[in-house]
Protein backbone atom coordinates (compact mmCIF):
# COMPACT_ATOMS: atom_id res chain seq x y z
CA MET A 1 60.58 -64.77 54.50
CA ILE A 2 57.25 -66.27 55.13
CA GLU A 3 58.53 -67.99 58.43
CA GLU A 4 59.96 -64.53 59.67
CA VAL A 5 56.56 -62.97 58.87
CA GLN A 6 54.72 -65.58 60.99
CA ARG A 7 57.06 -65.24 63.84
CA ALA A 8 57.04 -61.38 63.77
CA GLY A 9 53.20 -61.52 63.41
CA GLU A 10 52.79 -63.67 66.41
CA HIS A 11 54.83 -61.31 68.58
CA ILE A 12 52.72 -58.33 67.33
CA ASN A 13 49.50 -60.08 67.98
CA ALA A 14 50.71 -60.96 71.50
CA GLY A 15 51.35 -57.19 72.24
CA ARG A 16 54.97 -57.36 71.78
CA VAL A 17 57.53 -54.97 70.24
CA ILE A 18 59.67 -56.07 67.37
CA LEU A 19 62.77 -54.70 65.42
CA TYR A 20 62.18 -55.16 61.66
CA PRO A 21 63.35 -54.04 58.13
CA THR A 22 60.93 -51.65 56.38
CA ASP A 23 60.72 -49.94 52.90
CA THR A 24 63.17 -47.28 54.37
CA ILE A 25 65.29 -47.81 57.55
CA TRP A 26 65.09 -50.43 60.16
CA GLY A 27 62.22 -49.83 62.48
CA ILE A 28 60.86 -50.64 65.87
CA GLY A 29 57.19 -51.64 65.61
CA CYS A 30 54.04 -53.12 67.17
CA ASP A 31 50.35 -53.26 66.68
CA ALA A 32 49.28 -49.68 66.19
CA THR A 33 45.99 -50.32 67.90
CA ASP A 34 47.67 -51.44 71.16
CA PRO A 35 48.35 -48.64 73.62
CA VAL A 36 50.44 -50.85 75.99
CA ALA A 37 52.70 -51.85 73.13
CA VAL A 38 52.99 -48.30 71.78
CA GLN A 39 53.81 -47.02 75.16
CA LYS A 40 56.73 -49.66 75.46
CA ILE A 41 58.09 -48.20 72.20
CA TYR A 42 57.95 -44.67 73.68
CA GLU A 43 59.97 -46.03 76.67
CA ILE A 44 62.52 -47.93 74.45
CA LYS A 45 63.21 -44.71 72.52
CA ASN A 46 63.16 -42.53 75.58
CA ARG A 47 60.83 -40.42 73.62
CA SER A 48 58.08 -38.16 74.80
CA ASP A 49 54.60 -39.65 74.21
CA HIS A 50 53.44 -36.24 72.87
CA LYS A 51 55.45 -36.92 69.77
CA SER A 52 53.47 -39.14 67.33
CA MET A 53 55.04 -42.09 65.57
CA LEU A 54 54.12 -43.19 62.02
CA VAL A 55 52.10 -46.16 61.06
CA LEU A 56 52.58 -48.64 58.09
CA MET A 57 49.64 -49.82 56.22
CA GLU A 58 49.50 -52.20 53.32
CA SER A 59 46.86 -50.60 51.17
CA PHE A 60 44.98 -47.40 50.35
CA SER A 61 41.80 -49.28 51.59
CA MET A 62 43.23 -49.56 55.09
CA LEU A 63 43.02 -45.66 55.50
CA TYR A 64 39.16 -45.87 55.73
CA GLU A 65 39.35 -47.79 58.89
CA TYR A 66 41.91 -45.46 60.63
CA LEU A 67 41.11 -41.94 59.32
CA GLU A 68 37.97 -39.88 60.16
CA GLU A 69 38.11 -38.39 56.67
CA ILE A 70 40.32 -39.05 53.63
CA PRO A 71 41.30 -35.60 52.02
CA PRO A 72 40.19 -35.21 48.36
CA GLY A 73 42.98 -36.38 45.92
CA THR A 74 44.73 -38.62 48.45
CA GLN A 75 44.75 -41.70 46.20
CA GLU A 76 46.09 -39.73 43.23
CA ILE A 77 48.81 -38.35 45.50
CA ILE A 78 49.93 -41.78 46.85
CA ARG A 79 49.96 -43.23 43.24
CA SER A 80 52.34 -40.30 42.14
CA LEU A 81 54.85 -40.99 44.82
CA VAL A 82 58.33 -42.09 43.46
CA LYS A 83 59.91 -42.74 46.93
CA PRO A 84 58.57 -43.89 50.29
CA THR A 85 56.59 -41.01 51.63
CA THR A 86 54.74 -40.70 54.98
CA ILE A 87 51.61 -38.59 54.75
CA ILE A 88 50.41 -36.85 57.93
CA TYR A 89 46.61 -36.93 57.93
CA PRO A 90 44.38 -34.63 60.08
CA LYS A 91 42.11 -37.03 62.01
CA ALA A 92 43.02 -40.50 63.14
CA LYS A 93 40.54 -43.03 64.48
CA ASN A 94 40.74 -46.63 65.83
CA LEU A 95 44.42 -46.40 66.70
CA ALA A 96 45.96 -46.61 70.18
CA ILE A 97 44.94 -43.46 71.99
CA ASN A 98 48.75 -42.55 72.79
CA LEU A 99 49.81 -42.77 69.04
CA PRO A 100 48.39 -39.84 67.22
CA GLY A 101 49.79 -36.34 67.75
CA GLU A 102 48.07 -33.91 70.28
CA ASP A 103 46.17 -32.46 67.39
CA GLY A 104 44.74 -35.88 66.50
CA SER A 105 46.95 -36.09 63.26
CA ILE A 106 48.77 -39.45 62.34
CA GLY A 107 51.67 -40.13 59.87
CA ILE A 108 50.89 -43.05 57.61
CA ARG A 109 52.84 -44.71 54.98
CA ILE A 110 51.56 -47.21 52.43
CA THR A 111 54.40 -49.58 52.28
CA SER A 112 55.55 -51.18 49.08
CA ASP A 113 57.95 -53.58 50.97
CA SER A 114 56.77 -57.12 50.45
CA PHE A 115 57.80 -58.21 54.15
CA CYS A 116 55.93 -55.32 55.65
CA GLN A 117 52.89 -55.90 53.37
CA LYS A 118 52.72 -59.59 54.50
CA LEU A 119 53.24 -58.73 58.05
CA ILE A 120 50.33 -56.36 58.03
CA GLN A 121 48.22 -58.85 56.10
CA THR A 122 49.16 -61.63 58.72
CA THR A 123 48.38 -59.49 61.71
CA GLY A 124 45.29 -57.61 60.16
CA LYS A 125 46.61 -54.48 61.89
CA PRO A 126 48.58 -51.42 61.01
CA ILE A 127 52.09 -51.44 62.26
CA VAL A 128 53.94 -48.78 64.11
CA SER A 129 57.21 -47.83 62.41
CA THR A 130 59.65 -45.56 64.13
CA SER A 131 63.46 -45.49 63.49
CA ALA A 132 65.42 -47.96 65.63
CA ASN A 133 67.21 -45.50 67.77
CA VAL A 134 67.01 -43.63 70.95
CA SER A 135 65.28 -40.32 70.44
CA GLY A 136 67.72 -37.59 69.37
CA SER A 137 70.34 -40.18 68.16
CA ALA A 138 71.09 -40.79 64.50
CA ALA A 139 68.90 -43.20 62.85
CA PRO A 140 70.84 -46.38 61.74
CA ALA A 141 71.20 -46.89 57.98
CA SER A 142 71.53 -50.61 58.38
CA TYR A 143 70.78 -53.46 60.92
CA LYS A 144 74.67 -53.47 61.89
CA GLU A 145 74.31 -49.83 63.00
CA ILE A 146 71.51 -50.42 65.49
CA ASP A 147 72.57 -49.86 69.05
CA GLN A 148 72.83 -52.93 71.33
CA TYR A 149 70.50 -51.04 73.78
CA ILE A 150 67.74 -51.12 71.20
CA ARG A 151 68.35 -54.77 70.31
CA LYS A 152 68.07 -55.85 74.00
CA LYS A 153 64.99 -53.89 74.64
CA VAL A 154 62.72 -55.22 71.90
CA ASP A 155 60.96 -58.54 72.31
CA TYR A 156 61.83 -59.93 68.90
CA ILE A 157 64.36 -59.17 66.18
CA VAL A 158 63.42 -60.11 62.57
CA GLU A 159 66.26 -62.11 60.94
CA TRP A 160 65.08 -61.14 57.36
CA ARG A 161 67.54 -58.71 55.60
CA GLN A 162 69.87 -58.29 58.43
CA ASP A 163 72.90 -58.57 56.07
CA ALA A 164 71.39 -56.22 53.41
CA ALA A 165 73.83 -53.49 52.46
CA ASP A 166 71.29 -51.41 50.50
CA SER A 167 71.59 -47.59 50.64
CA VAL A 168 68.50 -46.58 52.60
CA SER A 169 67.05 -43.38 54.07
CA ALA A 170 64.14 -42.18 55.98
CA SER A 171 60.98 -41.47 54.21
CA SER A 172 59.86 -38.05 52.88
CA ILE A 173 57.14 -36.54 54.97
CA VAL A 174 54.20 -34.34 53.75
CA ARG A 175 51.27 -33.08 55.62
CA LEU A 176 47.91 -33.37 53.80
CA ASP A 177 45.20 -30.89 55.16
CA GLU A 178 41.53 -31.76 55.19
CA ASP A 179 41.09 -29.65 51.88
CA GLY A 180 43.75 -31.66 50.09
CA HIS A 181 46.53 -29.06 50.48
CA ILE A 182 50.01 -30.59 50.77
CA THR A 183 52.97 -29.20 52.70
CA LEU A 184 56.40 -30.77 52.29
CA LEU A 185 57.93 -31.22 55.66
CA ARG A 186 61.03 -33.51 54.77
CA PRO A 187 62.04 -34.05 51.23
């Protein structure tokens, strides 16, 4: 796994796009602070750049660098989660300008996956994580289900866990308002 983390990290640090396993489904990713790499993902997915993509971070402490404010109770909410959950926060900062939503919000998931954590630690950057499919198509549940079009468009495909047959699904999504109010968007 360490060799794959190093190779994927080199690609991310060079502004390239990777296909990689996450704590949920396979994702397309890049340095979340690089607007050129983020734009390439929008193009690969044939997705409007007005639709935000989520970001993986490896720890709660990273939120301070990429959010204007951390709503009250955030750490307790994250600790209480039993499945991977993406939280949409109101005010992003220090991310690629074309990544947050039009309202400045950003979806962030603190990953518990060891590969993703090591990748983020290696690059020192948050990583974009969007499903490995063309916008509007079904998200693949395994590497084998990823369309050849996607595989050909990315710069690097991580070899780690390609044969995994785990039952996976997309993360839950909640919106966390500035006052700490939670709205469930996807269970």
